[in-house]
Amino acid sequence: MSNYKKEDVERFAWIFKALSNPNRLRIFLRLVSCCAPGTVCTVDDRKAYVGELAQDLEVGPSTVSHHIRELHRAGLIRMERKGQNVECWVDPAVLQDLAGFFSL
């Protein structure tokens, strides 16, 4: 752990805080599973709309939007508005950072 700068430790703490909520973790895992590691995917394969992410969560749309904003603020997901829809995806660099953290 001594290899990490103070800023890195704080960034990972913020990431893990965002993932500590079960619904946010479910959303993140759903986005990660859109394109499994080791497979070839297009950018579109890795994206999901907010409405799709809300399925099976048993929470209201406003709550899902809140969770997505928290994941975005933590730098875990990216978002892009497409008309009335919002696409969300996980940047592969985020997964590499997390894998690097756990590979110490």
N, C-alpha and C. Protein backbone atom coordinates (compact mmCIF):
# COMPACT_ATOMS: atom_id res chain seq x y z
N MET A 1 0.82 -1.20 0.00
CA MET A 1 0.00 0.00 0.00
C MET A 1 0.86 1.25 0.00
N SER A 2 2.09 1.12 0.41
CA SER A 2 2.96 2.29 0.48
C SER A 2 3.31 2.83 -0.91
N ASN A 3 3.05 2.05 -1.97
CA ASN A 3 3.32 2.51 -3.32
C ASN A 3 2.31 3.55 -3.80
N TYR A 4 1.22 3.71 -3.09
CA TYR A 4 0.18 4.64 -3.50
C TYR A 4 0.35 6.00 -2.86
N LYS A 5 0.12 7.02 -3.66
CA LYS A 5 0.13 8.39 -3.15
C LYS A 5 -1.15 8.63 -2.37
N LYS A 6 -1.13 9.66 -1.55
CA LYS A 6 -2.30 10.01 -0.76
C LYS A 6 -3.53 10.22 -1.65
N GLU A 7 -3.33 10.87 -2.81
CA GLU A 7 -4.45 11.14 -3.73
C GLU A 7 -5.04 9.84 -4.27
N ASP A 8 -4.17 8.86 -4.55
CA ASP A 8 -4.64 7.58 -5.05
C ASP A 8 -5.48 6.86 -4.00
N VAL A 9 -5.02 6.88 -2.77
CA VAL A 9 -5.74 6.22 -1.68
C VAL A 9 -7.11 6.87 -1.50
N GLU A 10 -7.16 8.19 -1.54
CA GLU A 10 -8.43 8.88 -1.39
C GLU A 10 -9.37 8.59 -2.56
N ARG A 11 -8.81 8.51 -3.77
CA ARG A 11 -9.64 8.20 -4.95
C ARG A 11 -10.22 6.80 -4.83
N PHE A 12 -9.41 5.83 -4.43
CA PHE A 12 -9.94 4.47 -4.28
C PHE A 12 -10.94 4.39 -3.13
N ALA A 13 -10.73 5.14 -2.07
CA ALA A 13 -11.71 5.17 -0.98
C ALA A 13 -13.05 5.69 -1.48
N TRP A 14 -13.01 6.73 -2.33
CA TRP A 14 -14.23 7.30 -2.91
C TRP A 14 -14.91 6.26 -3.81
N ILE A 15 -14.12 5.53 -4.59
CA ILE A 15 -14.66 4.49 -5.47
C ILE A 15 -15.33 3.40 -4.65
N PHE A 16 -14.65 2.93 -3.59
CA PHE A 16 -15.21 1.85 -2.79
C PHE A 16 -16.43 2.31 -2.00
N LYS A 17 -16.45 3.57 -1.62
CA LYS A 17 -17.64 4.10 -0.96
C LYS A 17 -18.83 4.07 -1.91
N ALA A 18 -18.59 4.46 -3.17
CA ALA A 18 -19.67 4.43 -4.16
C ALA A 18 -20.16 3.01 -4.38
N LEU A 19 -19.25 2.05 -4.39
CA LEU A 19 -19.63 0.66 -4.64
C LEU A 19 -20.17 -0.04 -3.40
N SER A 20 -20.12 0.61 -2.24
CA SER A 20 -20.58 -0.04 -1.01
C SER A 20 -22.10 -0.14 -0.95
N ASN A 21 -22.80 0.62 -1.77
CA ASN A 21 -24.26 0.51 -1.82
C ASN A 21 -24.62 -0.66 -2.72
N PRO A 22 -25.44 -1.60 -2.24
CA PRO A 22 -25.76 -2.79 -3.04
C PRO A 22 -26.36 -2.47 -4.41
N ASN A 23 -27.23 -1.47 -4.50
CA ASN A 23 -27.83 -1.14 -5.79
C ASN A 23 -26.80 -0.54 -6.74
N ARG A 24 -25.90 0.28 -6.23
CA ARG A 24 -24.85 0.83 -7.10
C ARG A 24 -23.91 -0.27 -7.57
N LEU A 25 -23.60 -1.20 -6.68
CA LEU A 25 -22.75 -2.32 -7.06
C LEU A 25 -23.45 -3.16 -8.14
N ARG A 26 -24.75 -3.39 -8.00
CA ARG A 26 -25.50 -4.15 -9.01
C ARG A 26 -25.46 -3.43 -10.37
N ILE A 27 -25.64 -2.12 -10.35
CA ILE A 27 -25.60 -1.34 -11.59
C ILE A 27 -24.22 -1.44 -12.22
N PHE A 28 -23.18 -1.26 -11.43
CA PHE A 28 -21.82 -1.34 -11.94
C PHE A 28 -21.53 -2.71 -12.52
N LEU A 29 -21.91 -3.76 -11.82
CA LEU A 29 -21.67 -5.12 -12.31
C LEU A 29 -22.46 -5.39 -13.58
N ARG A 30 -23.64 -4.86 -13.67
CA ARG A 30 -24.43 -5.03 -14.90
C ARG A 30 -23.72 -4.37 -16.07
N LEU A 31 -23.17 -3.18 -15.84
CA LEU A 31 -22.44 -2.49 -16.91
C LEU A 31 -21.15 -3.23 -17.27
N VAL A 32 -20.46 -3.75 -16.27
CA VAL A 32 -19.23 -4.50 -16.53
C VAL A 32 -19.56 -5.75 -17.34
N SER A 33 -20.68 -6.38 -17.05
CA SER A 33 -21.03 -7.63 -17.74
C SER A 33 -21.51 -7.39 -19.17
N CYS A 34 -21.75 -6.13 -19.55
CA CYS A 34 -22.16 -5.85 -20.93
C CYS A 34 -21.10 -6.32 -21.91
N CYS A 35 -19.90 -6.34 -21.50
CA CYS A 35 -18.79 -6.80 -22.35
C CYS A 35 -17.78 -7.47 -21.44
N ALA A 36 -17.81 -8.78 -21.43
CA ALA A 36 -16.94 -9.54 -20.52
C ALA A 36 -15.47 -9.34 -20.87
N PRO A 37 -14.61 -9.30 -19.86
CA PRO A 37 -13.17 -9.16 -20.11
C PRO A 37 -12.68 -10.28 -21.02
N GLY A 38 -11.77 -9.94 -21.92
CA GLY A 38 -11.21 -10.92 -22.82
C GLY A 38 -12.01 -11.13 -24.09
N THR A 39 -13.16 -10.46 -24.22
CA THR A 39 -13.95 -10.56 -25.43
C THR A 39 -13.78 -9.30 -26.26
N VAL A 40 -14.09 -9.39 -27.53
CA VAL A 40 -14.01 -8.23 -28.41
C VAL A 40 -15.39 -7.60 -28.47
N CYS A 41 -15.47 -6.34 -28.11
CA CYS A 41 -16.74 -5.65 -28.07
C CYS A 41 -16.63 -4.31 -28.78
N THR A 42 -17.72 -3.88 -29.32
CA THR A 42 -17.77 -2.52 -29.84
C THR A 42 -18.14 -1.61 -28.69
N VAL A 43 -17.98 -0.32 -28.88
CA VAL A 43 -18.36 0.64 -27.84
C VAL A 43 -19.83 0.47 -27.51
N ASP A 44 -20.66 0.24 -28.52
CA ASP A 44 -22.10 0.09 -28.29
C ASP A 44 -22.43 -1.14 -27.45
N ASP A 45 -21.62 -2.20 -27.54
CA ASP A 45 -21.85 -3.40 -26.73
C ASP A 45 -21.67 -3.12 -25.25
N ARG A 46 -20.87 -2.12 -24.93
CA ARG A 46 -20.55 -1.83 -23.53
C ARG A 46 -21.50 -0.84 -22.90
N LYS A 47 -22.47 -0.35 -23.66
CA LYS A 47 -23.35 0.70 -23.16
C LYS A 47 -24.72 0.14 -22.80
N ALA A 48 -25.37 0.79 -21.85
CA ALA A 48 -26.74 0.46 -21.47
C ALA A 48 -27.46 1.76 -21.13
N TYR A 49 -28.74 1.79 -21.42
CA TYR A 49 -29.54 2.96 -21.06
C TYR A 49 -29.95 2.88 -19.60
N VAL A 50 -30.20 4.03 -19.02
CA VAL A 50 -30.59 4.10 -17.61
C VAL A 50 -31.80 3.22 -17.35
N GLY A 51 -32.78 3.25 -18.23
CA GLY A 51 -33.99 2.43 -18.06
C GLY A 51 -33.67 0.95 -18.00
N GLU A 52 -32.70 0.50 -18.80
CA GLU A 52 -32.29 -0.90 -18.78
C GLU A 52 -31.63 -1.25 -17.45
N LEU A 53 -30.87 -0.32 -16.91
CA LEU A 53 -30.17 -0.57 -15.65
C LEU A 53 -31.14 -0.65 -14.48
N ALA A 54 -32.31 -0.03 -14.61
CA ALA A 54 -33.29 -0.02 -13.52
C ALA A 54 -34.04 -1.34 -13.41
N GLN A 55 -34.03 -2.14 -14.47
CA GLN A 55 -34.75 -3.40 -14.45
C GLN A 55 -34.23 -4.30 -13.34
N ASP A 56 -35.14 -4.92 -12.62
CA ASP A 56 -34.84 -5.89 -11.56
C ASP A 56 -34.21 -5.29 -10.31
N LEU A 57 -34.14 -3.97 -10.18
CA LEU A 57 -33.54 -3.38 -8.99
C LEU A 57 -34.56 -3.12 -7.88
N GLU A 58 -35.83 -3.06 -8.24
CA GLU A 58 -36.90 -2.82 -7.28
C GLU A 58 -36.77 -1.47 -6.59
N VAL A 59 -36.28 -0.49 -7.32
CA VAL A 59 -36.24 0.89 -6.83
C VAL A 59 -36.77 1.79 -7.94
N GLY A 60 -37.21 2.96 -7.57
CA GLY A 60 -37.79 3.89 -8.52
C GLY A 60 -36.76 4.50 -9.46
N PRO A 61 -37.23 5.04 -10.57
CA PRO A 61 -36.33 5.65 -11.55
C PRO A 61 -35.48 6.78 -10.98
N SER A 62 -36.03 7.59 -10.09
CA SER A 62 -35.25 8.69 -9.52
C SER A 62 -34.12 8.15 -8.65
N THR A 63 -34.36 7.04 -7.96
CA THR A 63 -33.33 6.42 -7.13
C THR A 63 -32.22 5.84 -8.01
N VAL A 64 -32.61 5.21 -9.12
CA VAL A 64 -31.62 4.68 -10.05
C VAL A 64 -30.77 5.82 -10.60
N SER A 65 -31.40 6.92 -10.97
CA SER A 65 -30.67 8.08 -11.48
C SER A 65 -29.68 8.59 -10.44
N HIS A 66 -30.10 8.63 -9.18
CA HIS A 66 -29.20 9.05 -8.10
C HIS A 66 -27.98 8.14 -8.03
N HIS A 67 -28.21 6.82 -8.07
CA HIS A 67 -27.11 5.86 -7.98
C HIS A 67 -26.16 6.02 -9.17
N ILE A 68 -26.71 6.25 -10.34
CA ILE A 68 -25.88 6.42 -11.53
C ILE A 68 -25.04 7.68 -11.42
N ARG A 69 -25.63 8.75 -10.90
CA ARG A 69 -24.85 9.99 -10.69
C ARG A 69 -23.70 9.75 -9.71
N GLU A 70 -23.94 8.99 -8.66
CA GLU A 70 -22.89 8.71 -7.68
C GLU A 70 -21.77 7.88 -8.31
N LEU A 71 -22.12 6.91 -9.13
CA LEU A 71 -21.10 6.12 -9.81
C LEU A 71 -20.31 7.00 -10.78
N HIS A 72 -20.99 7.91 -11.43
CA HIS A 72 -20.32 8.82 -12.36
C HIS A 72 -19.38 9.77 -11.61
N ARG A 73 -19.84 10.33 -10.49
CA ARG A 73 -19.00 11.23 -9.70
C ARG A 73 -17.76 10.53 -9.16
N ALA A 74 -17.89 9.24 -8.87
CA ALA A 74 -16.74 8.47 -8.38
C ALA A 74 -15.80 8.08 -9.52
N GLY A 75 -16.19 8.39 -10.76
CA GLY A 75 -15.34 8.08 -11.91
C GLY A 75 -15.46 6.64 -12.38
N LEU A 76 -16.47 5.92 -11.91
CA LEU A 76 -16.62 4.51 -12.27
C LEU A 76 -17.32 4.30 -13.60
N ILE A 77 -18.21 5.20 -13.96
CA ILE A 77 -18.93 5.04 -15.22
C ILE A 77 -18.90 6.34 -16.01
N ARG A 78 -19.14 6.22 -17.28
CA ARG A 78 -19.28 7.38 -18.17
C ARG A 78 -20.73 7.46 -18.61
N MET A 79 -21.15 8.66 -18.95
CA MET A 79 -22.54 8.88 -19.36
C MET A 79 -22.56 9.80 -20.57
N GLU A 80 -23.56 9.56 -21.44
CA GLU A 80 -23.76 10.43 -22.59
C GLU A 80 -25.25 10.48 -22.91
N ARG A 81 -25.77 11.68 -23.03
CA ARG A 81 -27.18 11.85 -23.36
C ARG A 81 -27.39 11.61 -24.84
N LYS A 82 -28.40 10.80 -25.16
CA LYS A 82 -28.82 10.53 -26.54
C LYS A 82 -30.30 10.84 -26.61
N GLY A 83 -30.63 12.09 -26.96
CA GLY A 83 -32.03 12.50 -26.96
C GLY A 83 -32.57 12.49 -25.55
N GLN A 84 -33.63 11.73 -25.33
CA GLN A 84 -34.22 11.64 -23.99
C GLN A 84 -33.58 10.53 -23.15
N ASN A 85 -32.72 9.75 -23.76
CA ASN A 85 -32.08 8.64 -23.05
C ASN A 85 -30.66 9.02 -22.64
N VAL A 86 -30.18 8.32 -21.63
CA VAL A 86 -28.80 8.49 -21.17
C VAL A 86 -28.13 7.13 -21.25
N GLU A 87 -27.04 7.07 -22.04
CA GLU A 87 -26.25 5.85 -22.13
C GLU A 87 -25.18 5.86 -21.05
N CYS A 88 -24.93 4.70 -20.48
CA CYS A 88 -23.90 4.55 -19.45
C CYS A 88 -22.99 3.40 -19.84
N TRP A 89 -21.71 3.54 -19.49
CA TRP A 89 -20.76 2.46 -19.73
C TRP A 89 -19.57 2.61 -18.79
N VAL A 90 -18.83 1.52 -18.67
CA VAL A 90 -17.62 1.50 -17.85
C VAL A 90 -16.43 1.63 -18.79
N ASP A 91 -15.59 2.59 -18.52
CA ASP A 91 -14.36 2.77 -19.29
C ASP A 91 -13.42 1.62 -18.92
N PRO A 92 -12.86 0.90 -19.91
CA PRO A 92 -11.94 -0.20 -19.60
C PRO A 92 -10.77 0.22 -18.71
N ALA A 93 -10.35 1.48 -18.77
CA ALA A 93 -9.25 1.96 -17.92
C ALA A 93 -9.63 1.88 -16.45
N VAL A 94 -10.90 2.07 -16.12
CA VAL A 94 -11.36 1.96 -14.74
C VAL A 94 -11.16 0.54 -14.24
N LEU A 95 -11.52 -0.43 -15.07
CA LEU A 95 -11.34 -1.83 -14.67
C LEU A 95 -9.86 -2.16 -14.51
N GLN A 96 -9.02 -1.60 -15.35
CA GLN A 96 -7.58 -1.83 -15.22
C GLN A 96 -7.06 -1.23 -13.91
N ASP A 97 -7.54 -0.04 -13.55
CA ASP A 97 -7.13 0.58 -12.29
C ASP A 97 -7.53 -0.28 -11.10
N LEU A 98 -8.78 -0.79 -11.13
CA LEU A 98 -9.25 -1.63 -10.04
C LEU A 98 -8.46 -2.94 -9.97
N ALA A 99 -8.19 -3.52 -11.11
CA ALA A 99 -7.40 -4.76 -11.13
C ALA A 99 -5.99 -4.49 -10.60
N GLY A 100 -5.42 -3.35 -10.98
CA GLY A 100 -4.09 -2.99 -10.47
C GLY A 100 -4.08 -2.80 -8.98
N PHE A 101 -5.14 -2.24 -8.44
CA PHE A 101 -5.23 -2.03 -7.00
C PHE A 101 -5.20 -3.36 -6.26
N PHE A 102 -5.94 -4.34 -6.80
CA PHE A 102 -6.05 -5.62 -6.12
C PHE A 102 -4.91 -6.58 -6.43
N SER A 103 -4.03 -6.21 -7.35
CA SER A 103 -2.95 -7.12 -7.70
C SER A 103 -1.68 -6.89 -6.88
N LEU A 104 -1.76 -6.07 -5.86
CA LEU A 104 -0.57 -5.83 -5.03
C LEU A 104 -0.17 -7.05 -4.25
